[in-house]
Amino acid sequence: MPGTEAIKQNRKTIVIMGCGRVGGKLAAMFDAAGHKVTVLDLDAYSFRRLPPTFSGTALIGNGTDEEMLRKAGIEDASAFIALTQGDNRNVMAAQIAKHVFKVPRVICRIYDPLRKDIYEHLGLESISPTEVFADLLFNRLEKI
């Protein structure tokens, strides 16, 4: 198959904590792009969001637990993404991934925009869906 070797060479190992709508969708996207994906979630029912074609790994466990992160392959990960509903859990897991396991790229979701700015100031790459959606709505309505 043409391009298969190129895909293998660019294949990344990605660990995603949280298999909600965003986590499940993102895992499916990376998997479809040929990357090695592991998804962690506390609730096995969350994995229903993964498509039947998902070829990655789904693990039941806590992403703030270092042993569970090892099982998820964090030591070889090129990226870790924290996407649970809890800002505190996301920050804690992101710090473990970044400082303990030295994952090259760590991103966490922070709902609270004020906290996002503080965490970014401390060196954690974070995205606030609150800000993203507010900006999106503002830009759409400003055109009226």
C-alpha atoms as a PDB file:
ATOM      1  CA  MET A   1       0.000   0.000   0.000  1.00  0.00           C
ATOM      2  CA  PRO A   2       1.557   3.337  -1.010  1.00  0.00           C
ATOM      3  CA  GLY A   3       2.396   5.623   1.867  1.00  0.00           C
ATOM      4  CA  THR A   4       2.284   2.861   4.486  1.00  0.00           C
ATOM      5  CA  GLU A   5       5.991   3.217   5.262  1.00  0.00           C
ATOM      6  CA  ALA A   6       5.637   6.981   5.612  1.00  0.00           C
ATOM      7  CA  ILE A   7       2.762   6.496   8.042  1.00  0.00           C
ATOM      8  CA  LYS A   8       4.807   4.014  10.101  1.00  0.00           C
ATOM      9  CA  GLN A   9       7.730   6.435  10.297  1.00  0.00           C
ATOM     10  CA  ASN A  10       5.497   9.247  11.543  1.00  0.00           C
ATOM     11  CA  ARG A  11       3.515   7.016  13.885  1.00  0.00           C
ATOM     12  CA  LYS A  12       3.177   8.542  17.310  1.00  0.00           C
ATOM     13  CA  THR A  13       2.231   6.951  20.588  1.00  0.00           C
ATOM     14  CA  ILE A  14      -0.576   8.934  22.173  1.00  0.00           C
ATOM     15  CA  VAL A  15      -2.179   8.479  25.593  1.00  0.00           C
ATOM     16  CA  ILE A  16      -5.560  10.097  26.185  1.00  0.00           C
ATOM     17  CA  MET A  17      -7.060  10.330  29.659  1.00  0.00           C
ATOM     18  CA  GLY A  18     -10.844  10.534  29.463  1.00  0.00           C
ATOM     19  CA  CYS A  19     -13.078   8.841  26.909  1.00  0.00           C
ATOM     20  CA  GLY A  20     -15.957  11.295  26.846  1.00  0.00           C
ATOM     21  CA  ARG A  21     -17.229  12.738  23.598  1.00  0.00           C
ATOM     22  CA  VAL A  22     -14.041  14.682  22.896  1.00  0.00           C
ATOM     23  CA  GLY A  23     -11.664  11.968  24.104  1.00  0.00           C
ATOM     24  CA  GLY A  24     -13.447   9.256  22.142  1.00  0.00           C
ATOM     25  CA  LYS A  25     -13.560  11.362  18.990  1.00  0.00           C
ATOM     26  CA  LEU A  26      -9.904  12.367  19.294  1.00  0.00           C
ATOM     27  CA  ALA A  27      -8.824   8.762  19.916  1.00  0.00           C
ATOM     28  CA  ALA A  28     -10.716   7.650  16.812  1.00  0.00           C
ATOM     29  CA  MET A  29      -9.118  10.418  14.745  1.00  0.00           C
ATOM     30  CA  PHE A  30      -5.557   9.575  15.810  1.00  0.00           C
ATOM     31  CA  ASP A  31      -6.224   5.861  15.365  1.00  0.00           C
ATOM     32  CA  ALA A  32      -7.596   6.416  11.856  1.00  0.00           C
ATOM     33  CA  ALA A  33      -4.489   8.483  11.067  1.00  0.00           C
ATOM     34  CA  GLY A  34      -2.317   5.466  11.907  1.00  0.00           C
ATOM     35  CA  HIS A  35      -1.040   6.408  15.352  1.00  0.00           C
ATOM     36  CA  LYS A  36      -0.791   4.108  18.351  1.00  0.00           C
ATOM     37  CA  VAL A  37      -3.494   5.245  20.794  1.00  0.00           C
ATOM     38  CA  THR A  38      -4.302   4.264  24.353  1.00  0.00           C
ATOM     39  CA  VAL A  39      -7.365   5.670  26.085  1.00  0.00           C
ATOM     40  CA  LEU A  40      -7.774   5.619  29.868  1.00  0.00           C
ATOM     41  CA  ASP A  41     -11.064   6.092  31.650  1.00  0.00           C
ATOM     42  CA  LEU A  42     -12.484   5.214  35.060  1.00  0.00           C
ATOM     43  CA  ASP A  43     -15.723   3.949  33.509  1.00  0.00           C
ATOM     44  CA  ALA A  44     -15.717   1.097  30.985  1.00  0.00           C
ATOM     45  CA  TYR A  45     -19.085   2.333  29.683  1.00  0.00           C
ATOM     46  CA  SER A  46     -17.272   5.386  28.276  1.00  0.00           C
ATOM     47  CA  PHE A  47     -15.530   3.224  25.709  1.00  0.00           C
ATOM     48  CA  ARG A  48     -18.841   2.848  23.842  1.00  0.00           C
ATOM     49  CA  ARG A  49     -17.873   6.138  22.207  1.00  0.00           C
ATOM     50  CA  LEU A  50     -14.991   4.486  20.378  1.00  0.00           C
ATOM     51  CA  PRO A  51     -15.884   3.307  16.886  1.00  0.00           C
ATOM     52  CA  PRO A  52     -15.926  -0.441  16.126  1.00  0.00           C
ATOM     53  CA  THR A  53     -12.914   0.131  13.883  1.00  0.00           C
ATOM     54  CA  PHE A  54     -10.785   1.468  16.770  1.00  0.00           C
ATOM     55  CA  SER A  55      -7.572  -0.580  16.878  1.00  0.00           C
ATOM     56  CA  GLY A  56      -5.996   1.122  19.891  1.00  0.00           C
ATOM     57  CA  THR A  57      -6.107   0.135  23.538  1.00  0.00           C
ATOM     58  CA  ALA A  58      -8.848   1.053  26.008  1.00  0.00           C
ATOM     59  CA  LEU A  59      -7.863   0.735  29.667  1.00  0.00           C
ATOM     60  CA  ILE A  60     -10.000   1.132  32.747  1.00  0.00           C
ATOM     61  CA  GLY A  61      -7.991   3.148  35.230  1.00  0.00           C
ATOM     62  CA  ASN A  62      -7.011   6.407  36.804  1.00  0.00           C
ATOM     63  CA  GLY A  63      -4.741   8.651  34.757  1.00  0.00           C
ATOM     64  CA  THR A  64      -3.291  10.192  37.907  1.00  0.00           C
ATOM     65  CA  ASP A  65      -1.936   6.781  38.952  1.00  0.00           C
ATOM     66  CA  GLU A  66       1.679   6.422  37.788  1.00  0.00           C
ATOM     67  CA  GLU A  67       1.444   2.622  37.527  1.00  0.00           C
ATOM     68  CA  MET A  68      -1.681   2.888  35.384  1.00  0.00           C
ATOM     69  CA  LEU A  69       0.065   5.428  33.172  1.00  0.00           C
ATOM     70  CA  ARG A  70       2.943   2.974  32.728  1.00  0.00           C
ATOM     71  CA  LYS A  71       0.443   0.299  31.660  1.00  0.00           C
ATOM     72  CA  ALA A  72      -0.937   2.794  29.162  1.00  0.00           C
ATOM     73  CA  GLY A  73       2.527   3.202  27.631  1.00  0.00           C
ATOM     74  CA  ILE A  74       3.290   6.693  28.926  1.00  0.00           C
ATOM     75  CA  GLU A  75       7.031   5.984  28.990  1.00  0.00           C
ATOM     76  CA  ASP A  76       7.039   5.740  25.181  1.00  0.00           C
ATOM     77  CA  ALA A  77       4.374   8.370  24.542  1.00  0.00           C
ATOM     78  CA  SER A  78       5.053  11.353  22.345  1.00  0.00           C
ATOM     79  CA  ALA A  79       1.869  13.036  23.552  1.00  0.00           C
ATOM     80  CA  PHE A  80      -0.458  12.942  26.560  1.00  0.00           C
ATOM     81  CA  ILE A  81      -3.841  14.618  26.543  1.00  0.00           C
ATOM     82  CA  ALA A  82      -5.958  15.038  29.699  1.00  0.00           C
ATOM     83  CA  LEU A  83      -9.652  15.350  28.838  1.00  0.00           C
ATOM     84  CA  THR A  84     -11.678  14.381  31.891  1.00  0.00           C
ATOM     85  CA  GLN A  85     -14.491  16.574  33.199  1.00  0.00           C
ATOM     86  CA  GLY A  86     -12.362  17.607  36.178  1.00  0.00           C
ATOM     87  CA  ASP A  87      -9.866  20.464  35.912  1.00  0.00           C
ATOM     88  CA  ASN A  88      -7.955  19.268  38.986  1.00  0.00           C
ATOM     89  CA  ARG A  89      -7.570  15.726  37.671  1.00  0.00           C
ATOM     90  CA  ASN A  90      -6.491  17.019  34.275  1.00  0.00           C
ATOM     91  CA  VAL A  91      -3.857  19.293  35.795  1.00  0.00           C
ATOM     92  CA  MET A  92      -2.558  16.596  38.121  1.00  0.00           C
ATOM     93  CA  ALA A  93      -2.281  14.012  35.349  1.00  0.00           C
ATOM     94  CA  ALA A  94      -0.689  16.526  32.982  1.00  0.00           C
ATOM     95  CA  GLN A  95       1.948  17.429  35.564  1.00  0.00           C
ATOM     96  CA  ILE A  96       2.764  13.756  36.145  1.00  0.00           C
ATOM     97  CA  ALA A  97       3.050  13.165  32.394  1.00  0.00           C
ATOM     98  CA  LYS A  98       5.217  16.235  31.893  1.00  0.00           C
ATOM     99  CA  HIS A  99       7.471  16.172  34.950  1.00  0.00           C
ATOM    100  CA  VAL A 100       7.657  12.496  35.989  1.00  0.00           C
ATOM    101  CA  PHE A 101       7.529  10.797  32.581  1.00  0.00           C
ATOM    102  CA  LYS A 102       8.944  13.670  30.491  1.00  0.00           C
ATOM    103  CA  VAL A 103       6.343  13.250  27.736  1.00  0.00           C
ATOM    104  CA  PRO A 104       7.368  15.689  24.970  1.00  0.00           C
ATOM    105  CA  ARG A 105       3.892  17.117  24.379  1.00  0.00           C
ATOM    106  CA  VAL A 106       1.283  17.400  27.123  1.00  0.00           C
ATOM    107  CA  ILE A 107      -2.046  19.184  26.737  1.00  0.00           C
ATOM    108  CA  CYS A 108      -4.858  19.436  29.248  1.00  0.00           C
ATOM    109  CA  ARG A 109      -8.422  20.703  29.115  1.00  0.00           C
ATOM    110  CA  ILE A 110      -9.244  23.339  31.737  1.00  0.00           C
ATOM    111  CA  TYR A 111     -12.823  24.577  31.845  1.00  0.00           C
ATOM    112  CA  ASP A 112     -12.065  27.527  34.118  1.00  0.00           C
ATOM    113  CA  PRO A 113     -10.394  30.265  32.000  1.00  0.00           C
ATOM    114  CA  LEU A 114      -8.769  31.895  35.037  1.00  0.00           C
ATOM    115  CA  ARG A 115      -7.170  28.655  36.110  1.00  0.00           C
ATOM    116  CA  LYS A 116      -6.105  27.941  32.511  1.00  0.00           C
ATOM    117  CA  ASP A 117      -4.107  31.147  32.444  1.00  0.00           C
ATOM    118  CA  ILE A 118      -2.424  30.294  35.752  1.00  0.00           C
ATOM    119  CA  TYR A 119      -1.515  26.787  34.604  1.00  0.00           C
ATOM    120  CA  GLU A 120      -0.169  28.089  31.327  1.00  0.00           C
ATOM    121  CA  HIS A 121       1.944  30.575  33.252  1.00  0.00           C
ATOM    122  CA  LEU A 122       3.328  27.572  35.143  1.00  0.00           C
ATOM    123  CA  GLY A 123       4.239  25.863  31.877  1.00  0.00           C
ATOM    124  CA  LEU A 124       1.272  23.567  31.265  1.00  0.00           C
ATOM    125  CA  GLU A 125      -0.185  23.754  27.779  1.00  0.00           C
ATOM    126  CA  SER A 126      -3.922  23.971  28.286  1.00  0.00           C
ATOM    127  CA  ILE A 127      -7.081  24.704  26.359  1.00  0.00           C
ATOM    128  CA  SER A 128     -10.270  26.092  27.855  1.00  0.00           C
ATOM    129  CA  PRO A 129     -13.379  24.949  25.947  1.00  0.00           C
ATOM    130  CA  THR A 130     -15.197  27.736  27.767  1.00  0.00           C
ATOM    131  CA  GLU A 131     -13.000  30.336  26.066  1.00  0.00           C
ATOM    132  CA  VAL A 132     -13.012  28.560  22.712  1.00  0.00           C
ATOM    133  CA  PHE A 133     -16.808  28.353  22.576  1.00  0.00           C
ATOM    134  CA  ALA A 134     -17.324  31.908  23.863  1.00  0.00           C
ATOM    135  CA  ASP A 135     -14.929  33.200  21.188  1.00  0.00           C
ATOM    136  CA  LEU A 136     -16.722  31.180  18.527  1.00  0.00           C
ATOM    137  CA  LEU A 137     -20.129  32.532  19.516  1.00  0.00           C
ATOM    138  CA  PHE A 138     -18.835  36.097  19.820  1.00  0.00           C
ATOM    139  CA  ASN A 139     -17.268  35.976  16.355  1.00  0.00           C
ATOM    140  CA  ARG A 140     -20.405  34.548  14.776  1.00  0.00           C
ATOM    141  CA  LEU A 141     -22.728  37.036  16.428  1.00  0.00           C
ATOM    142  CA  GLU A 142     -20.455  39.982  15.813  1.00  0.00           C
ATOM    143  CA  LYS A 143     -21.029  39.503  12.070  1.00  0.00           C
ATOM    144  CA  ILE A 144     -24.774  40.159  12.429  1.00  0.00           C
END
